[in-house]
Amino acid sequence: MTSSEHSRDLAHRIRRSVVRMTHLGKSSHVGSALSMSDIMAVLYGRVLRVDPERPDWPQRDRFILSKGHAGAAVYAALAHTGFMDVETLDQHYQNGSILSGHVSHKGVPGVELSTGSLGHGLGVAVGMAKAAMLKNAEHRVVCLLSDGECDEGSNWEAAMFAAHHRLRNLTAIIDYNNMQSLATVEETLALEPFVDKWEAFGWTVRDVNGHDHEAIANALAREPDDDKPLCVVCRTTKGKGVSFMEDAVLWHYRTPQGEEYDAAMGELGDA
């Protein structure tokens, strides 16, 4: 199996698990988790230097999900790459489970930070990247944000700090699916010209199709002589993979049940 085939297979398994987890737990945010499934598959299948046998390995790359409400996709990626048993995913959003709806690091191997309130992940990632640089550590820090989350001013403070300190070990990925919880990003608080803004803040920026695994992997590759932090804007579709969830704001909070669940799993096909 090639690296591309491997990450596509991983993305498929992540999507099926995300739909099953939100169905069993009667939880929300399935559309947000599906939009980032390809990004997660490329990160955990091809890019991040991690070891499921040693989740606290000091030399590991660090990944932070700032859009914490889509934690189901992180749990699924970790389970399907060996950090925990896949059967554990069935406990998602259940009473007493370690797998809370918003991603949690408490007792979950491979999760670096609990997040939920938006606009916090990048600031922490910047601190981790700065600390790594001061220690001459070689690991990378990657933070995945939502597009709507970029309405938060704290992200732009972190962006300025990262560029000022030339944190080349830091990567921000934006899951740009054009939707927020109740409306489109454009209707809520427009972001464009988005790429220009990151460049103006001193970052190297790449703008790619967030469902094209080769494009994502290539965009995440660092140039040896580039000393700026990297921002990869991934253009995605909310609910990607299930036709009636795609580009539908309804599926930010709706839970797949009954015929909708059967139809979604039918479209996704066999594991």
C-alpha atoms as a PDB file:
ATOM      1  CA  MET A   1       0.000   0.000   0.000  1.00  0.00           C
ATOM      2  CA  THR A   2       1.420   3.416  -0.961  1.00  0.00           C
ATOM      3  CA  SER A   3       1.495   6.309   1.495  1.00  0.00           C
ATOM      4  CA  SER A   4      -1.399   7.926  -0.390  1.00  0.00           C
ATOM      5  CA  GLU A   5      -3.461   4.718  -0.297  1.00  0.00           C
ATOM      6  CA  HIS A   6      -2.667   4.339   3.398  1.00  0.00           C
ATOM      7  CA  SER A   7      -3.850   7.840   4.315  1.00  0.00           C
ATOM      8  CA  ARG A   8      -7.004   7.490   2.190  1.00  0.00           C
ATOM      9  CA  ASP A   9      -7.830   4.211   3.889  1.00  0.00           C
ATOM     10  CA  LEU A  10      -7.244   5.887   7.252  1.00  0.00           C
ATOM     11  CA  ALA A  11      -9.520   8.799   6.306  1.00  0.00           C
ATOM     12  CA  HIS A  12     -12.259   6.330   5.377  1.00  0.00           C
ATOM     13  CA  ARG A  13     -11.996   4.568   8.719  1.00  0.00           C
ATOM     14  CA  ILE A  14     -11.979   7.905  10.571  1.00  0.00           C
ATOM     15  CA  ARG A  15     -15.180   8.985   8.787  1.00  0.00           C
ATOM     16  CA  ARG A  16     -17.011   5.744   9.560  1.00  0.00           C
ATOM     17  CA  SER A  17     -15.967   5.953  13.212  1.00  0.00           C
ATOM     18  CA  VAL A  18     -16.983   9.601  13.502  1.00  0.00           C
ATOM     19  CA  VAL A  19     -20.500   8.880  12.244  1.00  0.00           C
ATOM     20  CA  ARG A  20     -20.809   5.806  14.494  1.00  0.00           C
ATOM     21  CA  MET A  21     -19.474   7.671  17.554  1.00  0.00           C
ATOM     22  CA  THR A  22     -21.841  10.615  17.190  1.00  0.00           C
ATOM     23  CA  HIS A  23     -24.719   8.194  16.584  1.00  0.00           C
ATOM     24  CA  LEU A  24     -24.009   6.051  19.660  1.00  0.00           C
ATOM     25  CA  GLY A  25     -23.300   9.021  21.929  1.00  0.00           C
ATOM     26  CA  LYS A  26     -26.128  11.147  20.505  1.00  0.00           C
ATOM     27  CA  SER A  27     -23.546  13.922  20.271  1.00  0.00           C
ATOM     28  CA  SER A  28     -23.102  16.741  17.754  1.00  0.00           C
ATOM     29  CA  HIS A  29     -20.429  18.258  15.493  1.00  0.00           C
ATOM     30  CA  VAL A  30     -20.378  15.383  13.014  1.00  0.00           C
ATOM     31  CA  GLY A  31     -20.082  17.836  10.087  1.00  0.00           C
ATOM     32  CA  SER A  32     -17.067  19.551  11.649  1.00  0.00           C
ATOM     33  CA  ALA A  33     -15.329  16.223  12.282  1.00  0.00           C
ATOM     34  CA  LEU A  34     -15.975  14.965   8.757  1.00  0.00           C
ATOM     35  CA  SER A  35     -14.566  18.121   7.161  1.00  0.00           C
ATOM     36  CA  MET A  36     -11.174  17.555   8.832  1.00  0.00           C
ATOM     37  CA  SER A  37     -10.965  13.756   8.416  1.00  0.00           C
ATOM     38  CA  ASP A  38      -8.631  13.915   5.415  1.00  0.00           C
ATOM     39  CA  ILE A  39      -6.343  16.373   7.211  1.00  0.00           C
ATOM     40  CA  MET A  40      -6.174  14.071  10.240  1.00  0.00           C
ATOM     41  CA  ALA A  41      -5.421  11.072   8.036  1.00  0.00           C
ATOM     42  CA  VAL A  42      -2.515  12.838   6.326  1.00  0.00           C
ATOM     43  CA  LEU A  43      -1.148  14.082   9.645  1.00  0.00           C
ATOM     44  CA  TYR A  44      -1.308  10.744  11.463  1.00  0.00           C
ATOM     45  CA  GLY A  45      -0.703   8.580   8.419  1.00  0.00           C
ATOM     46  CA  ARG A  46       2.124  10.485   6.757  1.00  0.00           C
ATOM     47  CA  VAL A  47       3.423  13.592   8.515  1.00  0.00           C
ATOM     48  CA  LEU A  48       3.546  13.590  12.306  1.00  0.00           C
ATOM     49  CA  ARG A  49       6.470  11.882  13.997  1.00  0.00           C
ATOM     50  CA  VAL A  50       4.653  10.022  16.772  1.00  0.00           C
ATOM     51  CA  ASP A  51       4.833   6.578  18.362  1.00  0.00           C
ATOM     52  CA  PRO A  52       1.609   4.970  19.631  1.00  0.00           C
ATOM     53  CA  GLU A  53       3.671   2.712  21.879  1.00  0.00           C
ATOM     54  CA  ARG A  54       5.246   5.764  23.503  1.00  0.00           C
ATOM     55  CA  PRO A  55       2.637   8.576  23.448  1.00  0.00           C
ATOM     56  CA  ASP A  56       4.808  10.698  25.772  1.00  0.00           C
ATOM     57  CA  TRP A  57       8.043  10.172  23.798  1.00  0.00           C
ATOM     58  CA  PRO A  58       9.943  13.482  24.297  1.00  0.00           C
ATOM     59  CA  GLN A  59      10.950  13.765  20.619  1.00  0.00           C
ATOM     60  CA  ARG A  60       7.387  13.359  19.308  1.00  0.00           C
ATOM     61  CA  ASP A  61       5.720  16.039  17.234  1.00  0.00           C
ATOM     62  CA  ARG A  62       2.929  17.825  19.103  1.00  0.00           C
ATOM     63  CA  PHE A  63      -0.593  18.148  17.675  1.00  0.00           C
ATOM     64  CA  ILE A  64      -3.256  20.427  19.158  1.00  0.00           C
ATOM     65  CA  LEU A  65      -6.862  20.536  18.005  1.00  0.00           C
ATOM     66  CA  SER A  66      -7.990  24.092  18.665  1.00  0.00           C
ATOM     67  CA  LYS A  67     -11.513  23.436  17.277  1.00  0.00           C
ATOM     68  CA  GLY A  68     -12.040  21.090  20.217  1.00  0.00           C
ATOM     69  CA  HIS A  69     -15.705  20.382  19.432  1.00  0.00           C
ATOM     70  CA  ALA A  70     -14.558  18.088  16.592  1.00  0.00           C
ATOM     71  CA  GLY A  71     -12.673  15.822  18.999  1.00  0.00           C
ATOM     72  CA  ALA A  72     -14.329  12.697  17.574  1.00  0.00           C
ATOM     73  CA  ALA A  73     -12.020  12.908  14.545  1.00  0.00           C
ATOM     74  CA  VAL A  74      -8.935  13.052  16.788  1.00  0.00           C
ATOM     75  CA  TYR A  75     -10.040  10.078  18.872  1.00  0.00           C
ATOM     76  CA  ALA A  76     -10.775   8.105  15.696  1.00  0.00           C
ATOM     77  CA  ALA A  77      -7.381   8.944  14.180  1.00  0.00           C
ATOM     78  CA  LEU A  78      -5.606   7.900  17.377  1.00  0.00           C
ATOM     79  CA  ALA A  79      -7.551   4.642  17.661  1.00  0.00           C
ATOM     80  CA  HIS A  80      -6.964   3.666  14.040  1.00  0.00           C
ATOM     81  CA  THR A  81      -3.216   4.315  14.382  1.00  0.00           C
ATOM     82  CA  GLY A  82      -2.749   2.230  17.506  1.00  0.00           C
ATOM     83  CA  PHE A  83      -2.926   4.675  20.411  1.00  0.00           C
ATOM     84  CA  MET A  84      -5.941   2.841  21.857  1.00  0.00           C
ATOM     85  CA  ASP A  85      -8.338   0.063  20.990  1.00  0.00           C
ATOM     86  CA  VAL A  86     -10.839   0.912  18.273  1.00  0.00           C
ATOM     87  CA  GLU A  87     -13.593  -0.562  20.482  1.00  0.00           C
ATOM     88  CA  THR A  88     -12.933   2.280  22.969  1.00  0.00           C
ATOM     89  CA  LEU A  89     -14.497   4.687  20.469  1.00  0.00           C
ATOM     90  CA  ASP A  90     -17.942   3.233  21.272  1.00  0.00           C
ATOM     91  CA  GLN A  91     -17.649   4.925  24.694  1.00  0.00           C
ATOM     92  CA  HIS A  92     -17.546   8.385  23.107  1.00  0.00           C
ATOM     93  CA  TYR A  93     -19.812  10.885  24.892  1.00  0.00           C
ATOM     94  CA  GLN A  94     -21.060   8.209  27.315  1.00  0.00           C
ATOM     95  CA  ASN A  95     -21.362   8.847  31.053  1.00  0.00           C
ATOM     96  CA  GLY A  96     -18.027   8.137  32.740  1.00  0.00           C
ATOM     97  CA  SER A  97     -16.104   7.872  29.468  1.00  0.00           C
ATOM     98  CA  ILE A  98     -12.659   9.418  28.979  1.00  0.00           C
ATOM     99  CA  LEU A  99     -13.730  10.384  25.437  1.00  0.00           C
ATOM    100  CA  SER A 100     -15.647  13.604  26.052  1.00  0.00           C
ATOM    101  CA  GLY A 101     -17.336  15.483  23.228  1.00  0.00           C
ATOM    102  CA  HIS A 102     -14.779  18.286  23.234  1.00  0.00           C
ATOM    103  CA  VAL A 103     -11.349  16.734  22.988  1.00  0.00           C
ATOM    104  CA  SER A 104      -9.711  15.902  26.324  1.00  0.00           C
ATOM    105  CA  HIS A 105      -6.160  14.910  27.226  1.00  0.00           C
ATOM    106  CA  LYS A 106      -7.221  13.369  30.550  1.00  0.00           C
ATOM    107  CA  GLY A 107      -6.495   9.664  30.261  1.00  0.00           C
ATOM    108  CA  VAL A 108      -6.442   9.695  26.458  1.00  0.00           C
ATOM    109  CA  PRO A 109      -3.028   8.695  25.037  1.00  0.00           C
ATOM    110  CA  GLY A 110      -1.854  10.978  22.247  1.00  0.00           C
ATOM    111  CA  VAL A 111      -3.971  14.046  23.107  1.00  0.00           C
ATOM    112  CA  GLU A 112      -1.761  16.970  24.157  1.00  0.00           C
ATOM    113  CA  LEU A 113      -4.377  19.487  25.311  1.00  0.00           C
ATOM    114  CA  SER A 114      -8.055  19.660  26.244  1.00  0.00           C
ATOM    115  CA  THR A 115      -9.815  22.317  24.196  1.00  0.00           C
ATOM    116  CA  GLY A 116     -13.335  23.571  23.740  1.00  0.00           C
ATOM    117  CA  SER A 117     -13.558  27.329  24.062  1.00  0.00           C
ATOM    118  CA  LEU A 118     -12.322  28.578  20.715  1.00  0.00           C
ATOM    119  CA  GLY A 119      -9.240  30.705  20.137  1.00  0.00           C
ATOM    120  CA  HIS A 120      -7.006  29.038  22.732  1.00  0.00           C
ATOM    121  CA  GLY A 121      -5.159  26.309  20.838  1.00  0.00           C
ATOM    122  CA  LEU A 122      -2.839  28.441  18.735  1.00  0.00           C
ATOM    123  CA  GLY A 123      -1.616  30.460  21.721  1.00  0.00           C
ATOM    124  CA  VAL A 124      -0.648  27.251  23.525  1.00  0.00           C
ATOM    125  CA  ALA A 125       0.973  25.868  20.370  1.00  0.00           C
ATOM    126  CA  VAL A 126       3.020  29.050  20.031  1.00  0.00           C
ATOM    127  CA  GLY A 127       4.257  28.641  23.603  1.00  0.00           C
ATOM    128  CA  MET A 128       5.168  25.009  22.979  1.00  0.00           C
ATOM    129  CA  ALA A 129       7.026  25.929  19.787  1.00  0.00           C
ATOM    130  CA  LYS A 130       8.930  28.726  21.520  1.00  0.00           C
ATOM    131  CA  ALA A 131       9.878  26.395  24.393  1.00  0.00           C
ATOM    132  CA  ALA A 132      11.089  23.754  21.925  1.00  0.00           C
ATOM    133  CA  MET A 133      13.214  26.342  20.133  1.00  0.00           C
ATOM    134  CA  LEU A 134      14.796  27.498  23.399  1.00  0.00           C
ATOM    135  CA  LYS A 135      15.703  23.871  24.167  1.00  0.00           C
ATOM    136  CA  ASN A 136      17.053  23.278  20.643  1.00  0.00           C
ATOM    137  CA  ALA A 137      14.502  20.463  20.355  1.00  0.00           C
ATOM    138  CA  GLU A 138      13.736  19.294  16.821  1.00  0.00           C
ATOM    139  CA  HIS A 139      10.086  18.323  17.148  1.00  0.00           C
ATOM    140  CA  ARG A 140       7.333  20.130  15.337  1.00  0.00           C
ATOM    141  CA  VAL A 141       4.158  21.718  16.785  1.00  0.00           C
ATOM    142  CA  VAL A 142       1.012  21.571  14.636  1.00  0.00           C
ATOM    143  CA  CYS A 143      -2.281  23.287  15.524  1.00  0.00           C
ATOM    144  CA  LEU A 144      -5.552  22.754  13.633  1.00  0.00           C
ATOM    145  CA  LEU A 145      -8.061  25.600  13.781  1.00  0.00           C
ATOM    146  CA  SER A 146     -11.495  26.162  12.290  1.00  0.00           C
ATOM    147  CA  ASP A 147     -12.171  29.036   9.936  1.00  0.00           C
ATOM    148  CA  GLY A 148     -14.881  30.482  12.164  1.00  0.00           C
ATOM    149  CA  GLU A 149     -12.475  30.290  15.063  1.00  0.00           C
ATOM    150  CA  CYS A 150     -10.282  32.824  13.285  1.00  0.00           C
ATOM    151  CA  ASP A 151     -12.842  35.441  14.308  1.00  0.00           C
ATOM    152  CA  GLU A 152     -11.168  35.248  17.725  1.00  0.00           C
ATOM    153  CA  GLY A 153      -8.616  38.037  18.259  1.00  0.00           C
ATOM    154  CA  SER A 154      -6.415  35.833  20.440  1.00  0.00           C
ATOM    155  CA  ASN A 155      -5.372  33.915  17.303  1.00  0.00           C
ATOM    156  CA  TRP A 156      -3.976  37.057  15.714  1.00  0.00           C
ATOM    157  CA  GLU A 157      -2.010  37.935  18.847  1.00  0.00           C
ATOM    158  CA  ALA A 158      -0.488  34.453  18.718  1.00  0.00           C
ATOM    159  CA  ALA A 159       0.192  34.842  14.983  1.00  0.00           C
ATOM    160  CA  MET A 160       2.101  38.081  15.545  1.00  0.00           C
ATOM    161  CA  PHE A 161       4.170  36.549  18.352  1.00  0.00           C
ATOM    162  CA  ALA A 162       5.015  33.485  16.266  1.00  0.00           C
ATOM    163  CA  ALA A 163       6.217  35.564  13.312  1.00  0.00           C
ATOM    164  CA  HIS A 164       8.164  37.953  15.528  1.00  0.00           C
ATOM    165  CA  HIS A 165      10.073  35.020  17.066  1.00  0.00           C
ATOM    166  CA  ARG A 166      10.408  33.220  13.708  1.00  0.00           C
ATOM    167  CA  LEU A 167       8.935  29.990  15.017  1.00  0.00           C
ATOM    168  CA  ARG A 168       9.686  27.828  11.985  1.00  0.00           C
ATOM    169  CA  ASN A 169       8.827  24.724  14.011  1.00  0.00           C
ATOM    170  CA  LEU A 170       5.181  25.863  14.218  1.00  0.00           C
ATOM    171  CA  THR A 171       2.438  25.006  11.701  1.00  0.00           C
ATOM    172  CA  ALA A 172      -1.158  26.239  11.789  1.00  0.00           C
ATOM    173  CA  ILE A 173      -3.706  24.386   9.668  1.00  0.00           C
ATOM    174  CA  ILE A 174      -7.055  26.048   8.977  1.00  0.00           C
ATOM    175  CA  ASP A 175     -10.043  23.793   8.276  1.00  0.00           C
ATOM    176  CA  TYR A 176     -11.772  26.299   5.985  1.00  0.00           C
ATOM    177  CA  ASN A 177     -15.213  24.736   5.437  1.00  0.00           C
ATOM    178  CA  ASN A 178     -16.985  28.105   5.121  1.00  0.00           C
ATOM    179  CA  MET A 179     -19.514  27.409   7.891  1.00  0.00           C
ATOM    180  CA  GLN A 180     -19.936  28.190  11.545  1.00  0.00           C
ATOM    181  CA  SER A 181     -22.477  26.821  14.007  1.00  0.00           C
ATOM    182  CA  LEU A 182     -25.519  28.724  12.762  1.00  0.00           C
ATOM    183  CA  ALA A 183     -24.563  30.320   9.434  1.00  0.00           C
ATOM    184  CA  THR A 184     -21.800  30.708   6.882  1.00  0.00           C
ATOM    185  CA  VAL A 185     -18.524  32.359   7.821  1.00  0.00           C
ATOM    186  CA  GLU A 186     -19.220  35.059   5.245  1.00  0.00           C
ATOM    187  CA  GLU A 187     -22.547  35.892   6.893  1.00  0.00           C
ATOM    188  CA  THR A 188     -21.134  35.770  10.426  1.00  0.00           C
ATOM    189  CA  LEU A 189     -17.834  37.663  10.123  1.00  0.00           C
ATOM    190  CA  ALA A 190     -16.085  37.532   6.757  1.00  0.00           C
ATOM    191  CA  LEU A 191     -12.429  36.449   6.726  1.00  0.00           C
ATOM    192  CA  GLU A 192     -11.302  37.275   3.218  1.00  0.00           C
ATOM    193  CA  PRO A 193      -8.719  38.082   1.962  1.00  0.00           C
ATOM    194  CA  PHE A 194      -7.664  35.336   4.351  1.00  0.00           C
ATOM    195  CA  VAL A 195      -4.358  34.237   2.794  1.00  0.00           C
ATOM    196  CA  ASP A 196      -3.254  37.858   2.494  1.00  0.00           C
ATOM    197  CA  LYS A 197      -3.919  38.388   6.201  1.00  0.00           C
ATOM    198  CA  TRP A 198      -1.685  35.496   7.296  1.00  0.00           C
ATOM    199  CA  GLU A 199       1.045  36.644   4.909  1.00  0.00           C
ATOM    200  CA  ALA A 200       0.756  40.180   6.272  1.00  0.00           C
ATOM    201  CA  PHE A 201       1.271  38.760   9.754  1.00  0.00           C
ATOM    202  CA  GLY A 202       4.607  37.302   8.617  1.00  0.00           C
ATOM    203  CA  TRP A 203       3.750  33.676   7.919  1.00  0.00           C
ATOM    204  CA  THR A 204       4.520  31.438   4.956  1.00  0.00           C
ATOM    205  CA  VAL A 205       1.095  30.481   3.600  1.00  0.00           C
ATOM    206  CA  ARG A 206      -0.079  27.631   1.375  1.00  0.00           C
ATOM    207  CA  ASP A 207      -3.653  27.374   0.099  1.00  0.00           C
ATOM    208  CA  VAL A 208      -4.795  23.851  -0.848  1.00  0.00           C
ATOM    209  CA  ASN A 209      -7.747  21.520  -1.363  1.00  0.00           C
ATOM    210  CA  GLY A 210      -8.256  20.053   2.109  1.00  0.00           C
ATOM    211  CA  HIS A 211      -9.464  16.721   0.731  1.00  0.00           C
ATOM    212  CA  ASP A 212      -6.502  16.194  -1.653  1.00  0.00           C
ATOM    213  CA  HIS A 213      -4.061  14.066   0.322  1.00  0.00           C
ATOM    214  CA  GLU A 214      -1.063  14.772  -1.914  1.00  0.00           C
ATOM    215  CA  ALA A 215      -1.711  18.507  -1.809  1.00  0.00           C
ATOM    216  CA  ILE A 216      -2.009  18.473   1.985  1.00  0.00           C
ATOM    217  CA  ALA A 217       1.153  16.407   2.440  1.00  0.00           C
ATOM    218  CA  ASN A 218       3.137  18.615   0.072  1.00  0.00           C
ATOM    219  CA  ALA A 219       1.880  21.788   1.741  1.00  0.00           C
ATOM    220  CA  LEU A 220       2.981  20.519   5.158  1.00  0.00           C
ATOM    221  CA  ALA A 221       6.551  19.884   3.989  1.00  0.00           C
ATOM    222  CA  ARG A 222       8.951  22.506   5.298  1.00  0.00           C
ATOM    223  CA  GLU A 223      11.517  24.305   3.166  1.00  0.00           C
ATOM    224  CA  PRO A 224      14.963  24.070   4.840  1.00  0.00           C
ATOM    225  CA  ASP A 225      15.756  27.777   4.480  1.00  0.00           C
ATOM    226  CA  ASP A 226      12.332  29.134   5.514  1.00  0.00           C
ATOM    227  CA  ASP A 227      12.474  30.563   9.045  1.00  0.00           C
ATOM    228  CA  LYS A 228       8.818  31.679   9.220  1.00  0.00           C
ATOM    229  CA  PRO A 229       5.922  29.813  10.839  1.00  0.00           C
ATOM    230  CA  LEU A 230       3.788  27.959   8.295  1.00  0.00           C
ATOM    231  CA  CYS A 231       0.033  28.339   7.750  1.00  0.00           C
ATOM    232  CA  VAL A 232      -1.754  25.793   5.538  1.00  0.00           C
ATOM    233  CA  VAL A 233      -5.250  26.905   4.530  1.00  0.00           C
ATOM    234  CA  CYS A 234      -7.216  23.742   3.712  1.00  0.00           C
ATOM    235  CA  ARG A 235     -10.359  24.382   1.664  1.00  0.00           C
ATOM    236  CA  THR A 236     -12.827  21.748   2.848  1.00  0.00           C
ATOM    237  CA  THR A 237     -16.491  20.774   2.732  1.00  0.00           C
ATOM    238  CA  LYS A 238     -18.386  20.503   5.983  1.00  0.00           C
ATOM    239  CA  GLY A 239     -19.846  16.995   6.303  1.00  0.00           C
ATOM    240  CA  LYS A 240     -17.522  15.684   3.570  1.00  0.00           C
ATOM    241  CA  GLY A 241     -18.280  12.083   2.611  1.00  0.00           C
ATOM    242  CA  VAL A 242     -22.027  12.002   3.365  1.00  0.00           C
ATOM    243  CA  SER A 243     -24.007  13.693   0.609  1.00  0.00           C
ATOM    244  CA  PHE A 244     -26.903  15.024   2.700  1.00  0.00           C
ATOM    245  CA  MET A 245     -24.517  16.428   5.336  1.00  0.00           C
ATOM    246  CA  GLU A 246     -22.241  18.251   2.898  1.00  0.00           C
ATOM    247  CA  ASP A 247     -22.425  22.053   3.049  1.00  0.00           C
ATOM    248  CA  ALA A 248     -25.445  21.805   5.365  1.00  0.00           C
ATOM    249  CA  VAL A 249     -25.219  23.931   8.508  1.00  0.00           C
ATOM    250  CA  LEU A 250     -27.889  21.656  10.042  1.00  0.00           C
ATOM    251  CA  TRP A 251     -25.223  19.027  10.718  1.00  0.00           C
ATOM    252  CA  HIS A 252     -23.175  21.207  13.016  1.00  0.00           C
ATOM    253  CA  TYR A 253     -25.428  20.132  15.887  1.00  0.00           C
ATOM    254  CA  ARG A 254     -27.680  17.371  14.497  1.00  0.00           C
ATOM    255  CA  THR A 255     -27.075  13.740  15.485  1.00  0.00           C
ATOM    256  CA  PRO A 256     -27.371  10.968  12.861  1.00  0.00           C
ATOM    257  CA  GLN A 257     -30.094   8.578  14.009  1.00  0.00           C
ATOM    258  CA  GLY A 258     -32.468   6.091  12.431  1.00  0.00           C
ATOM    259  CA  GLU A 259     -32.696   6.178   8.631  1.00  0.00           C
ATOM    260  CA  GLU A 260     -30.203   9.076   8.483  1.00  0.00           C
ATOM    261  CA  TYR A 261     -27.591   7.006  10.291  1.00  0.00           C
ATOM    262  CA  ASP A 262     -28.205   3.990   8.059  1.00  0.00           C
ATOM    263  CA  ALA A 263     -27.986   6.175   4.948  1.00  0.00           C
ATOM    264  CA  ALA A 264     -24.752   7.818   6.112  1.00  0.00           C
ATOM    265  CA  MET A 265     -23.054   4.512   6.848  1.00  0.00           C
ATOM    266  CA  GLY A 266     -24.343   3.131   3.568  1.00  0.00           C
ATOM    267  CA  GLU A 267     -22.732   5.991   1.643  1.00  0.00           C
ATOM    268  CA  LEU A 268     -19.443   5.567   3.480  1.00  0.00           C
ATOM    269  CA  GLY A 269     -19.353   1.871   2.643  1.00  0.00           C
ATOM    270  CA  ASP A 270     -17.515  -0.964   4.318  1.00  0.00           C
ATOM    271  CA  ALA A 271     -14.604  -0.446   6.675  1.00  0.00           C
END
